[in-house]
PDB file of N, CA and C in Angstrom:
ATOM      1  N   UNK A   1       1.109  -1.290 -22.596  1.00  0.00           N
ATOM      2  CA  UNK A   1      -0.284  -1.808 -21.766  1.00  0.00           C
ATOM      3  C   UNK A   1       0.394  -3.054 -21.141  1.00  0.00           C
ATOM      4  N   UNK A   2       1.522  -3.810 -21.703  1.00  0.00           N
ATOM      5  CA  UNK A   2       1.520  -5.127 -21.477  1.00  0.00           C
ATOM      6  C   UNK A   2       2.656  -4.840 -20.676  1.00  0.00           C
ATOM      7  N   UNK A   3       3.361  -3.390 -20.242  1.00  0.00           N
ATOM      8  CA  UNK A   3       4.230  -3.976 -19.111  1.00  0.00           C
ATOM      9  C   UNK A   3       2.998  -3.491 -17.255  1.00  0.00           C
ATOM     10  N   UNK A   4       1.787  -3.563 -17.986  1.00  0.00           N
ATOM     11  CA  UNK A   4       0.778  -3.025 -17.011  1.00  0.00           C
ATOM     12  C   UNK A   4       0.758  -4.772 -15.905  1.00  0.00           C
ATOM     13  N   UNK A   5       0.584  -5.486 -17.125  1.00  0.00           N
ATOM     14  CA  UNK A   5      -1.107  -7.056 -17.326  1.00  0.00           C
ATOM     15  C   UNK A   5       0.878  -7.866 -17.350  1.00  0.00           C
ATOM     16  N   UNK A   6       1.678  -7.350 -16.748  1.00  0.00           N
ATOM     17  CA  UNK A   6       2.514  -8.524 -15.627  1.00  0.00           C
ATOM     18  C   UNK A   6       1.993  -9.837 -14.812  1.00  0.00           C
ATOM     19  N   UNK A   7       2.164 -10.566 -14.845  1.00  0.00           N
ATOM     20  CA  UNK A   7       1.182 -12.088 -14.442  1.00  0.00           C
ATOM     21  C   UNK A   7       1.992 -11.801 -12.829  1.00  0.00           C
ATOM     22  N   UNK A   8       2.666 -11.861 -12.620  1.00  0.00           N
ATOM     23  CA  UNK A   8       3.719 -11.471 -11.469  1.00  0.00           C
ATOM     24  C   UNK A   8       3.851 -11.038 -10.338  1.00  0.00           C
ATOM     25  N   UNK A   9       4.171  -9.600 -10.213  1.00  0.00           N
ATOM     26  CA  UNK A   9       3.443  -8.441  -9.473  1.00  0.00           C
ATOM     27  C   UNK A   9       1.928  -8.666  -9.165  1.00  0.00           C
ATOM     28  N   UNK A  10       0.947  -8.685 -10.360  1.00  0.00           N
ATOM     29  CA  UNK A  10      -0.489  -9.520  -9.637  1.00  0.00           C
ATOM     30  C   UNK A  10      -1.664 -10.146  -8.628  1.00  0.00           C
ATOM     31  N   UNK A  11      -0.362 -11.216  -9.316  1.00  0.00           N
ATOM     32  CA  UNK A  11      -0.283 -12.970  -7.922  1.00  0.00           C
ATOM     33  C   UNK A  11      -0.093 -11.924  -6.899  1.00  0.00           C
ATOM     34  N   UNK A  12       1.566 -11.443  -6.915  1.00  0.00           N
ATOM     35  CA  UNK A  12       1.797 -11.544  -5.545  1.00  0.00           C
ATOM     36  C   UNK A  12       0.592 -10.357  -4.738  1.00  0.00           C
ATOM     37  N   UNK A  13      -0.101  -9.995  -4.764  1.00  0.00           N
ATOM     38  CA  UNK A  13      -0.816  -8.688  -5.305  1.00  0.00           C
ATOM     39  C   UNK A  13      -2.180  -9.005  -4.480  1.00  0.00           C
ATOM     40  N   UNK A  14      -2.762 -10.746  -5.217  1.00  0.00           N
ATOM     41  CA  UNK A  14      -3.673 -11.474  -4.854  1.00  0.00           C
ATOM     42  C   UNK A  14      -3.825 -12.566  -3.480  1.00  0.00           C
ATOM     43  N   UNK A  15      -1.964 -13.020  -3.528  1.00  0.00           N
ATOM     44  CA  UNK A  15      -2.126 -13.262  -2.642  1.00  0.00           C
ATOM     45  C   UNK A  15      -1.966 -13.027  -1.100  1.00  0.00           C
ATOM     46  N   UNK A  16      -1.468 -11.340  -0.965  1.00  0.00           N
ATOM     47  CA  UNK A  16      -1.508 -10.406  -0.337  1.00  0.00           C
ATOM     48  C   UNK A  16      -3.058 -10.350   0.123  1.00  0.00           C
ATOM     49  N   UNK A  17      -3.708 -10.608  -0.485  1.00  0.00           N
ATOM     50  CA  UNK A  17      -5.568  -9.984  -0.507  1.00  0.00           C
ATOM     51  C   UNK A  17      -6.320 -11.529   0.721  1.00  0.00           C
ATOM     52  N   UNK A  18      -5.696 -12.677  -0.044  1.00  0.00           N
ATOM     53  CA  UNK A  18      -5.982 -13.740   0.664  1.00  0.00           C
ATOM     54  C   UNK A  18      -5.732 -14.516   1.543  1.00  0.00           C
ATOM     55  N   UNK A  19      -4.398 -13.768   1.621  1.00  0.00           N
ATOM     56  CA  UNK A  19      -3.577 -13.642   3.664  1.00  0.00           C
ATOM     57  C   UNK A  19      -4.326 -12.079   4.484  1.00  0.00           C
ATOM     58  N   UNK A  20      -4.310 -11.335   4.330  1.00  0.00           N
ATOM     59  CA  UNK A  20      -5.806 -10.757   5.052  1.00  0.00           C
ATOM     60  C   UNK A  20      -7.411 -11.008   5.137  1.00  0.00           C
ATOM     61  N   UNK A  21      -6.999 -11.060   4.342  1.00  0.00           N
ATOM     62  CA  UNK A  21      -8.269 -12.123   4.685  1.00  0.00           C
ATOM     63  C   UNK A  21      -9.006 -13.273   5.291  1.00  0.00           C
ATOM     64  N   UNK A  22      -7.857 -14.424   5.569  1.00  0.00           N
ATOM     65  CA  UNK A  22      -7.038 -15.394   6.087  1.00  0.00           C
ATOM     66  C   UNK A  22      -7.068 -14.499   7.873  1.00  0.00           C
ATOM     67  N   UNK A  23      -5.985 -13.503   7.912  1.00  0.00           N
ATOM     68  CA  UNK A  23      -5.830 -13.471   9.468  1.00  0.00           C
ATOM     69  C   UNK A  23      -6.924 -12.435   9.935  1.00  0.00           C
ATOM     70  N   UNK A  24      -7.995 -11.883   8.932  1.00  0.00           N
ATOM     71  CA  UNK A  24      -8.793 -11.248   9.495  1.00  0.00           C
ATOM     72  C   UNK A  24     -10.297 -11.661   9.736  1.00  0.00           C
ATOM     73  N   UNK A  25      -9.214 -13.024   9.013  1.00  0.00           N
ATOM     74  CA  UNK A  25     -10.947 -14.908   9.982  1.00  0.00           C
ATOM     75  C   UNK A  25     -10.379 -15.304  11.166  1.00  0.00           C
ATOM     76  N   UNK A  26      -8.787 -15.404  11.062  1.00  0.00           N
ATOM     77  CA  UNK A  26      -8.579 -15.745  12.945  1.00  0.00           C
ATOM     78  C   UNK A  26      -8.382 -14.530  14.012  1.00  0.00           C
ATOM     79  N   UNK A  27      -8.159 -13.811  13.339  1.00  0.00           N
ATOM     80  CA  UNK A  27      -8.425 -12.764  14.811  1.00  0.00           C
ATOM     81  C   UNK A  27      -8.915 -12.589  15.751  1.00  0.00           C
ATOM     82  N   UNK A  28      -9.236 -12.632  17.361  1.00  0.00           N
ATOM     83  CA  UNK A  28      -9.814 -12.425  18.332  1.00  0.00           C
ATOM     84  C   UNK A  28     -10.410 -10.907  18.437  1.00  0.00           C
ATOM     85  N   UNK A  29     -10.626 -10.108  17.847  1.00  0.00           N
ATOM     86  CA  UNK A  29     -10.286  -8.828  18.720  1.00  0.00           C
ATOM     87  C   UNK A  29     -11.825  -8.097  17.959  1.00  0.00           C
ATOM     88  N   UNK A  30     -11.523  -8.115  16.623  1.00  0.00           N
ATOM     89  CA  UNK A  30     -13.313  -7.367  15.559  1.00  0.00           C
ATOM     90  C   UNK A  30     -13.969  -8.153  14.577  1.00  0.00           C
ATOM     91  N   UNK A  31     -15.372  -8.105  15.832  1.00  0.00           N
ATOM     92  CA  UNK A  31     -16.675  -8.862  14.533  1.00  0.00           C
ATOM     93  C   UNK A  31     -16.212  -7.930  13.470  1.00  0.00           C
ATOM     94  N   UNK A  32     -16.441  -6.782  13.159  1.00  0.00           N
ATOM     95  CA  UNK A  32     -16.288  -6.375  11.418  1.00  0.00           C
ATOM     96  C   UNK A  32     -15.426  -7.141  11.112  1.00  0.00           C
ATOM     97  N   UNK A  33     -14.013  -7.212  11.016  1.00  0.00           N
ATOM     98  CA  UNK A  33     -12.800  -7.949  10.221  1.00  0.00           C
ATOM     99  C   UNK A  33     -13.601  -9.162   9.815  1.00  0.00           C
ATOM    100  N   UNK A  34     -14.030  -9.995  11.320  1.00  0.00           N
ATOM    101  CA  UNK A  34     -14.563 -11.697  11.038  1.00  0.00           C
ATOM    102  C   UNK A  34     -15.719 -11.167  10.027  1.00  0.00           C
ATOM    103  N   UNK A  35     -16.135 -10.584  10.627  1.00  0.00           N
ATOM    104  CA  UNK A  35     -17.673 -10.752   9.535  1.00  0.00           C
ATOM    105  C   UNK A  35     -17.403 -10.697   8.721  1.00  0.00           C
ATOM    106  N   UNK A  36     -16.219  -9.535   7.780  1.00  0.00           N
ATOM    107  CA  UNK A  36     -16.234  -8.968   6.837  1.00  0.00           C
ATOM    108  C   UNK A  36     -14.909 -10.123   5.797  1.00  0.00           C
ATOM    109  N   UNK A  37     -14.345 -11.049   6.587  1.00  0.00           N
ATOM    110  CA  UNK A  37     -13.167 -12.173   5.838  1.00  0.00           C
ATOM    111  C   UNK A  37     -13.082 -12.729   5.088  1.00  0.00           C
ATOM    112  N   UNK A  38     -14.994 -13.705   4.545  1.00  0.00           N
ATOM    113  CA  UNK A  38     -14.922 -14.285   3.573  1.00  0.00           C
ATOM    114  C   UNK A  38     -14.510 -12.938   2.340  1.00  0.00           C
ATOM    115  N   UNK A  39     -15.162 -12.337   2.010  1.00  0.00           N
ATOM    116  CA  UNK A  39     -15.518 -10.672   1.042  1.00  0.00           C
ATOM    117  C   UNK A  39     -14.106 -10.604  -0.010  1.00  0.00           C
ATOM    118  N   UNK A  40     -13.353 -10.722   1.230  1.00  0.00           N
ATOM    119  CA  UNK A  40     -11.364 -10.665   0.942  1.00  0.00           C
ATOM    120  C   UNK A  40     -11.350 -11.635   0.549  1.00  0.00           C
ATOM    121  N   UNK A  41     -11.412 -12.875   1.631  1.00  0.00           N
ATOM    122  CA  UNK A  41     -10.634 -13.934   0.206  1.00  0.00           C
ATOM    123  C   UNK A  41     -11.443 -14.772  -0.770  1.00  0.00           C
ATOM    124  N   UNK A  42     -11.954 -14.231  -0.916  1.00  0.00           N
ATOM    125  CA  UNK A  42     -12.790 -14.183  -2.151  1.00  0.00           C
ATOM    126  C   UNK A  42     -12.597 -13.792  -3.342  1.00  0.00           C
ATOM    127  N   UNK A  43     -13.019 -11.854  -3.279  1.00  0.00           N
ATOM    128  CA  UNK A  43     -11.797 -11.344  -3.999  1.00  0.00           C
ATOM    129  C   UNK A  43     -10.481 -11.732  -4.176  1.00  0.00           C
ATOM    130  N   UNK A  44      -9.778 -12.246  -3.193  1.00  0.00           N
ATOM    131  CA  UNK A  44      -8.747 -12.023  -3.130  1.00  0.00           C
ATOM    132  C   UNK A  44      -8.070 -13.425  -4.568  1.00  0.00           C
ATOM    133  N   UNK A  45      -9.482 -14.941  -4.284  1.00  0.00           N
ATOM    134  CA  UNK A  45      -9.526 -15.743  -5.215  1.00  0.00           C
ATOM    135  C   UNK A  45      -9.446 -15.964  -6.532  1.00  0.00           C
ATOM    136  N   UNK A  46     -10.944 -14.737  -7.064  1.00  0.00           N
ATOM    137  CA  UNK A  46     -11.336 -13.991  -8.133  1.00  0.00           C
ATOM    138  C   UNK A  46     -10.519 -13.422  -8.620  1.00  0.00           C
ATOM    139  N   UNK A  47     -10.086 -12.776  -8.027  1.00  0.00           N
ATOM    140  CA  UNK A  47      -8.714 -11.800  -8.556  1.00  0.00           C
ATOM    141  C   UNK A  47      -7.000 -12.891  -9.316  1.00  0.00           C
ATOM    142  N   UNK A  48      -6.944 -13.411  -8.412  1.00  0.00           N
ATOM    143  CA  UNK A  48      -5.635 -15.249  -7.912  1.00  0.00           C
ATOM    144  C   UNK A  48      -6.101 -15.646  -9.597  1.00  0.00           C
ATOM    145  N   UNK A  49      -7.919 -15.795  -9.581  1.00  0.00           N
ATOM    146  CA  UNK A  49      -7.509 -16.109 -10.801  1.00  0.00           C
ATOM    147  C   UNK A  49      -7.896 -15.588 -12.279  1.00  0.00           C
ATOM    148  N   UNK A  50      -8.858 -14.235 -11.937  1.00  0.00           N
ATOM    149  CA  UNK A  50      -8.269 -13.474 -13.258  1.00  0.00           C
ATOM    150  C   UNK A  50      -6.704 -13.082 -14.022  1.00  0.00           C
ATOM    151  N   UNK A  51      -5.885 -13.168 -12.913  1.00  0.00           N
ATOM    152  CA  UNK A  51      -4.130 -12.563 -13.470  1.00  0.00           C
ATOM    153  C   UNK A  51      -4.368 -13.802 -13.947  1.00  0.00           C
ATOM    154  N   UNK A  52      -4.231 -15.515 -13.606  1.00  0.00           N
ATOM    155  CA  UNK A  52      -3.439 -16.395 -13.964  1.00  0.00           C
ATOM    156  C   UNK A  52      -3.521 -16.122 -15.176  1.00  0.00           C
ATOM    157  N   UNK A  53      -4.637 -15.491 -15.836  1.00  0.00           N
ATOM    158  CA  UNK A  53      -4.383 -16.051 -17.192  1.00  0.00           C
ATOM    159  C   UNK A  53      -3.791 -14.188 -17.976  1.00  0.00           C
ATOM    160  N   UNK A  54      -2.974 -14.255 -16.990  1.00  0.00           N
ATOM    161  CA  UNK A  54      -1.915 -12.967 -18.247  1.00  0.00           C
ATOM    162  C   UNK A  54      -0.938 -12.779 -18.122  1.00  0.00           C
ATOM    163  N   UNK A  55      -0.155 -12.678 -19.476  1.00  0.00           N
ATOM    164  CA  UNK A  55       1.337 -13.080 -19.756  1.00  0.00           C
ATOM    165  C   UNK A  55       1.873 -13.194 -18.640  1.00  0.00           C
ATOM    166  N   UNK A  56       3.112 -14.217 -18.962  1.00  0.00           N
ATOM    167  CA  UNK A  56       4.517 -14.492 -17.676  1.00  0.00           C
ATOM    168  C   UNK A  56       5.123 -13.691 -17.026  1.00  0.00           C
ATOM    169  N   UNK A  57       5.361 -12.661 -18.032  1.00  0.00           N
ATOM    170  CA  UNK A  57       5.841 -11.014 -17.666  1.00  0.00           C
ATOM    171  C   UNK A  57       7.162 -11.183 -18.749  1.00  0.00           C
ATOM    172  N   UNK A  58       7.580 -12.252 -19.868  1.00  0.00           N
ATOM    173  CA  UNK A  58       8.764 -12.506 -20.544  1.00  0.00           C
ATOM    174  C   UNK A  58       8.283 -11.366 -21.134  1.00  0.00           C
ATOM    175  N   UNK A  59       9.605 -10.998 -22.471  1.00  0.00           N
ATOM    176  CA  UNK A  59       9.473 -10.392 -23.613  1.00  0.00           C
ATOM    177  C   UNK A  59       8.743 -11.026 -24.452  1.00  0.00           C
ATOM    178  N   UNK A  60       8.145 -10.217 -25.372  1.00  0.00           N
ATOM    179  CA  UNK A  60       8.378 -11.472 -26.957  1.00  0.00           C
ATOM    180  C   UNK A  60       6.367 -12.180 -26.467  1.00  0.00           C
TER     181      UNK A  60
END
């Protein structure tokens, strides 16, 4: 279970979700993407806050 809770990969995933939300916010093509961008950014931010409490990933 400890291998599953390493901080590095989860932080990267949270950053990707935040970046996806920012992309959704700035694109001019779809109103649906724009209107859901805040929820995606908020989810990524909350995920990052939670993941920041995971262990570093070093053994021990």
